[in-house]
């Protein structure tokens, strides 16, 4: 809760992004694979508040306006919900 992400499109598969937690706003990048099953978020690793987000994600639900993602390549029970505003 409380995080806002803005993904900007360079191509259909990558682009710049901003991430904000209400106190800090940082810049990073995103990319995805050709079948849109994987989302890779790259943010500065020196900011602990954003370390959870900075990883590879797999889409578990692609419904609009809320997409559900889980960490790629792991059985961690963590789920990320991204809502289109």
N, C-alpha and C. Protein backbone atom coordinates (compact mmCIF):
# COMPACT_ATOMS: atom_id res chain seq x y z
N UNK A 1 0.83 -1.19 0.00
CA UNK A 1 0.00 0.00 0.00
C UNK A 1 0.87 1.25 0.00
N UNK A 2 0.35 2.30 -0.61
CA UNK A 2 1.03 3.57 -0.56
C UNK A 2 2.08 3.80 -1.63
N UNK A 3 2.34 2.82 -2.48
CA UNK A 3 3.31 2.97 -3.55
C UNK A 3 2.59 3.36 -4.83
N UNK A 4 3.22 4.21 -5.62
CA UNK A 4 2.71 4.58 -6.93
C UNK A 4 3.81 4.35 -7.95
N UNK A 5 3.47 3.65 -9.04
CA UNK A 5 4.42 3.37 -10.10
C UNK A 5 3.87 3.92 -11.40
N UNK A 6 4.73 4.57 -12.15
CA UNK A 6 4.34 5.09 -13.45
C UNK A 6 5.28 4.48 -14.47
N UNK A 7 4.73 3.62 -15.32
CA UNK A 7 5.51 2.96 -16.36
C UNK A 7 5.26 3.68 -17.68
N UNK A 8 6.33 4.17 -18.27
CA UNK A 8 6.27 4.88 -19.53
C UNK A 8 6.78 3.96 -20.64
N UNK A 9 6.20 4.06 -21.81
CA UNK A 9 6.53 3.14 -22.89
C UNK A 9 7.61 3.70 -23.80
N UNK A 10 8.68 2.94 -23.99
CA UNK A 10 9.68 3.19 -25.01
C UNK A 10 9.29 2.38 -26.25
N UNK A 11 9.14 1.07 -26.04
CA UNK A 11 8.57 0.16 -27.03
C UNK A 11 7.46 -0.59 -26.31
N UNK A 12 6.87 -1.58 -26.95
CA UNK A 12 5.87 -2.39 -26.27
C UNK A 12 6.49 -3.28 -25.21
N UNK A 13 7.81 -3.37 -25.17
CA UNK A 13 8.50 -4.29 -24.27
C UNK A 13 9.39 -3.64 -23.23
N UNK A 14 9.49 -2.32 -23.20
CA UNK A 14 10.36 -1.68 -22.21
C UNK A 14 10.08 -0.18 -22.12
N UNK A 15 10.67 0.42 -21.08
CA UNK A 15 10.53 1.85 -20.92
C UNK A 15 11.06 2.33 -19.59
N UNK A 16 10.93 3.62 -19.37
CA UNK A 16 11.32 4.24 -18.11
C UNK A 16 10.17 4.11 -17.12
N UNK A 17 10.49 4.27 -15.84
CA UNK A 17 9.44 4.26 -14.83
C UNK A 17 9.84 5.13 -13.65
N UNK A 18 8.84 5.57 -12.91
CA UNK A 18 9.08 6.23 -11.63
C UNK A 18 8.35 5.42 -10.57
N UNK A 19 8.92 5.43 -9.39
CA UNK A 19 8.31 4.75 -8.24
C UNK A 19 8.29 5.73 -7.08
N UNK A 20 7.18 5.77 -6.37
CA UNK A 20 7.05 6.69 -5.25
C UNK A 20 6.38 5.97 -4.08
N UNK A 21 6.85 6.24 -2.88
CA UNK A 21 6.21 5.69 -1.69
C UNK A 21 5.58 6.80 -0.84
N UNK A 22 5.40 7.96 -1.41
CA UNK A 22 4.83 9.09 -0.70
C UNK A 22 5.89 10.01 -0.11
N UNK A 23 7.09 9.46 0.17
CA UNK A 23 8.19 10.26 0.70
C UNK A 23 9.30 10.42 -0.33
N UNK A 24 9.59 9.36 -1.06
CA UNK A 24 10.65 9.35 -2.06
C UNK A 24 10.07 9.03 -3.43
N UNK A 25 10.63 9.63 -4.46
CA UNK A 25 10.32 9.28 -5.84
C UNK A 25 11.64 8.98 -6.52
N UNK A 26 11.73 7.79 -7.14
CA UNK A 26 12.96 7.39 -7.80
C UNK A 26 12.67 6.97 -9.23
N UNK A 27 13.71 7.01 -10.07
CA UNK A 27 13.59 6.62 -11.46
C UNK A 27 14.20 5.24 -11.67
N UNK A 28 13.63 4.51 -12.60
CA UNK A 28 14.14 3.20 -12.95
C UNK A 28 13.68 2.83 -14.35
N UNK A 29 13.71 1.54 -14.64
CA UNK A 29 13.25 1.04 -15.93
C UNK A 29 12.42 -0.22 -15.72
N UNK A 30 11.66 -0.56 -16.74
CA UNK A 30 10.90 -1.80 -16.74
C UNK A 30 11.10 -2.46 -18.10
N UNK A 31 10.91 -3.77 -18.15
CA UNK A 31 10.92 -4.50 -19.41
C UNK A 31 10.05 -5.75 -19.26
N UNK A 32 9.63 -6.31 -20.37
CA UNK A 32 8.86 -7.54 -20.34
C UNK A 32 9.29 -8.42 -21.51
N UNK A 33 8.91 -9.69 -21.42
CA UNK A 33 9.25 -10.60 -22.51
C UNK A 33 8.18 -10.54 -23.60
N UNK A 34 8.40 -11.25 -24.69
CA UNK A 34 7.54 -11.11 -25.87
C UNK A 34 6.10 -11.58 -25.67
N UNK A 35 5.86 -12.47 -24.71
CA UNK A 35 4.47 -12.90 -24.48
C UNK A 35 3.84 -12.22 -23.27
N UNK A 36 4.52 -11.20 -22.76
CA UNK A 36 4.03 -10.39 -21.64
C UNK A 36 3.72 -11.21 -20.38
N UNK A 37 4.45 -12.29 -20.18
CA UNK A 37 4.24 -13.09 -18.97
C UNK A 37 5.19 -12.69 -17.85
N UNK A 38 6.24 -11.94 -18.19
CA UNK A 38 7.27 -11.57 -17.22
C UNK A 38 7.49 -10.06 -17.25
N UNK A 39 7.53 -9.45 -16.08
CA UNK A 39 7.81 -8.03 -15.94
C UNK A 39 9.07 -7.89 -15.08
N UNK A 40 10.07 -7.18 -15.60
CA UNK A 40 11.31 -6.95 -14.86
C UNK A 40 11.36 -5.48 -14.48
N UNK A 41 11.48 -5.21 -13.18
CA UNK A 41 11.56 -3.85 -12.68
C UNK A 41 12.98 -3.62 -12.17
N UNK A 42 13.61 -2.57 -12.65
CA UNK A 42 14.96 -2.20 -12.24
C UNK A 42 14.94 -0.82 -11.60
N UNK A 43 15.15 -0.81 -10.29
CA UNK A 43 15.23 0.42 -9.52
C UNK A 43 16.57 0.46 -8.80
N UNK A 44 17.02 1.64 -8.37
CA UNK A 44 18.28 1.68 -7.62
C UNK A 44 18.23 0.76 -6.40
N UNK A 45 19.23 -0.09 -6.25
CA UNK A 45 19.23 -1.06 -5.16
C UNK A 45 19.66 -0.46 -3.83
N UNK A 46 20.12 0.76 -3.83
CA UNK A 46 20.58 1.39 -2.59
C UNK A 46 19.45 1.95 -1.74
N UNK A 47 18.22 1.86 -2.19
CA UNK A 47 17.10 2.42 -1.44
C UNK A 47 16.24 1.26 -0.91
N UNK A 48 16.39 0.91 0.37
CA UNK A 48 15.72 -0.26 0.94
C UNK A 48 14.20 -0.27 0.80
N UNK A 49 13.57 0.89 0.82
CA UNK A 49 12.10 0.94 0.74
C UNK A 49 11.58 0.35 -0.56
N UNK A 50 12.41 0.30 -1.60
CA UNK A 50 11.97 -0.20 -2.90
C UNK A 50 12.57 -1.56 -3.24
N UNK A 51 13.29 -2.19 -2.34
CA UNK A 51 13.98 -3.44 -2.66
C UNK A 51 13.01 -4.57 -2.99
N UNK A 52 11.84 -4.60 -2.39
CA UNK A 52 10.86 -5.65 -2.69
C UNK A 52 10.41 -5.61 -4.14
N UNK A 53 10.27 -4.43 -4.70
CA UNK A 53 9.78 -4.25 -6.06
C UNK A 53 10.84 -4.56 -7.10
N UNK A 54 12.09 -4.36 -6.77
CA UNK A 54 13.21 -4.46 -7.71
C UNK A 54 13.55 -5.93 -8.00
N UNK A 55 12.79 -6.56 -8.90
CA UNK A 55 12.97 -7.97 -9.22
C UNK A 55 12.21 -8.34 -10.48
N UNK A 56 12.25 -9.61 -10.81
CA UNK A 56 11.48 -10.15 -11.93
C UNK A 56 10.15 -10.66 -11.38
N UNK A 57 9.08 -10.35 -12.11
CA UNK A 57 7.72 -10.72 -11.70
C UNK A 57 7.05 -11.53 -12.79
N UNK A 58 6.16 -12.42 -12.41
CA UNK A 58 5.31 -13.13 -13.38
C UNK A 58 3.88 -12.68 -13.15
N UNK A 59 3.16 -12.51 -14.24
CA UNK A 59 1.76 -12.12 -14.14
C UNK A 59 0.94 -13.35 -13.73
N UNK A 60 0.14 -13.20 -12.70
CA UNK A 60 -0.77 -14.28 -12.31
C UNK A 60 -2.21 -13.94 -12.68
N UNK A 61 -2.50 -12.65 -12.82
CA UNK A 61 -3.79 -12.18 -13.32
C UNK A 61 -3.54 -10.91 -14.11
N UNK A 62 -4.09 -10.85 -15.32
CA UNK A 62 -3.90 -9.67 -16.17
C UNK A 62 -5.19 -8.88 -16.36
N UNK A 63 -6.07 -8.94 -15.41
CA UNK A 63 -7.33 -8.22 -15.52
C UNK A 63 -7.09 -6.72 -15.37
N UNK A 64 -7.86 -5.92 -16.09
CA UNK A 64 -7.79 -4.47 -15.97
C UNK A 64 -8.98 -4.04 -15.14
N UNK A 65 -8.85 -3.21 -14.15
CA UNK A 65 -7.74 -2.31 -13.89
C UNK A 65 -6.68 -2.86 -12.93
N UNK A 66 -6.88 -4.05 -12.34
CA UNK A 66 -5.90 -4.56 -11.39
C UNK A 66 -5.18 -5.78 -11.96
N UNK A 67 -3.85 -5.69 -11.99
CA UNK A 67 -3.04 -6.83 -12.41
C UNK A 67 -2.39 -7.41 -11.15
N UNK A 68 -2.24 -8.73 -11.14
CA UNK A 68 -1.63 -9.40 -10.00
C UNK A 68 -0.33 -10.04 -10.45
N UNK A 69 0.73 -9.85 -9.68
CA UNK A 69 2.04 -10.39 -10.02
C UNK A 69 2.62 -11.12 -8.82
N UNK A 70 3.47 -12.10 -9.10
CA UNK A 70 4.19 -12.84 -8.07
C UNK A 70 5.66 -12.89 -8.48
N UNK A 71 6.57 -13.04 -7.52
CA UNK A 71 7.98 -13.11 -7.87
C UNK A 71 8.27 -14.25 -8.85
N UNK A 72 9.07 -13.98 -9.87
CA UNK A 72 9.43 -14.96 -10.91
C UNK A 72 10.43 -15.97 -10.34
N UNK A 73 10.22 -17.25 -10.65
CA UNK A 73 11.20 -18.28 -10.31
C UNK A 73 11.28 -18.62 -8.84
N UNK A 74 10.23 -18.37 -8.09
CA UNK A 74 10.24 -18.68 -6.67
C UNK A 74 8.84 -19.08 -6.23
N UNK A 75 8.75 -19.71 -5.11
CA UNK A 75 7.45 -20.07 -4.56
C UNK A 75 7.06 -19.15 -3.41
N UNK A 76 7.74 -17.99 -3.31
CA UNK A 76 7.39 -17.02 -2.28
C UNK A 76 5.90 -16.68 -2.37
N UNK A 77 5.23 -16.56 -1.23
CA UNK A 77 3.80 -16.24 -1.26
C UNK A 77 3.50 -14.77 -1.51
N UNK A 78 4.53 -13.96 -1.78
CA UNK A 78 4.32 -12.53 -1.98
C UNK A 78 3.53 -12.27 -3.26
N UNK A 79 2.58 -11.37 -3.18
CA UNK A 79 1.76 -10.97 -4.32
C UNK A 79 1.81 -9.45 -4.43
N UNK A 80 1.94 -8.97 -5.64
CA UNK A 80 1.93 -7.54 -5.93
C UNK A 80 0.70 -7.24 -6.77
N UNK A 81 -0.09 -6.28 -6.32
CA UNK A 81 -1.25 -5.83 -7.08
C UNK A 81 -0.92 -4.46 -7.66
N UNK A 82 -1.05 -4.32 -8.97
CA UNK A 82 -0.86 -3.02 -9.63
C UNK A 82 -2.20 -2.62 -10.23
N UNK A 83 -2.64 -1.43 -9.87
CA UNK A 83 -3.93 -0.94 -10.33
C UNK A 83 -3.71 0.21 -11.30
N UNK A 84 -4.39 0.13 -12.43
CA UNK A 84 -4.31 1.21 -13.41
C UNK A 84 -5.19 2.36 -12.95
N UNK A 85 -4.59 3.54 -12.89
CA UNK A 85 -5.34 4.72 -12.45
C UNK A 85 -5.71 5.60 -13.61
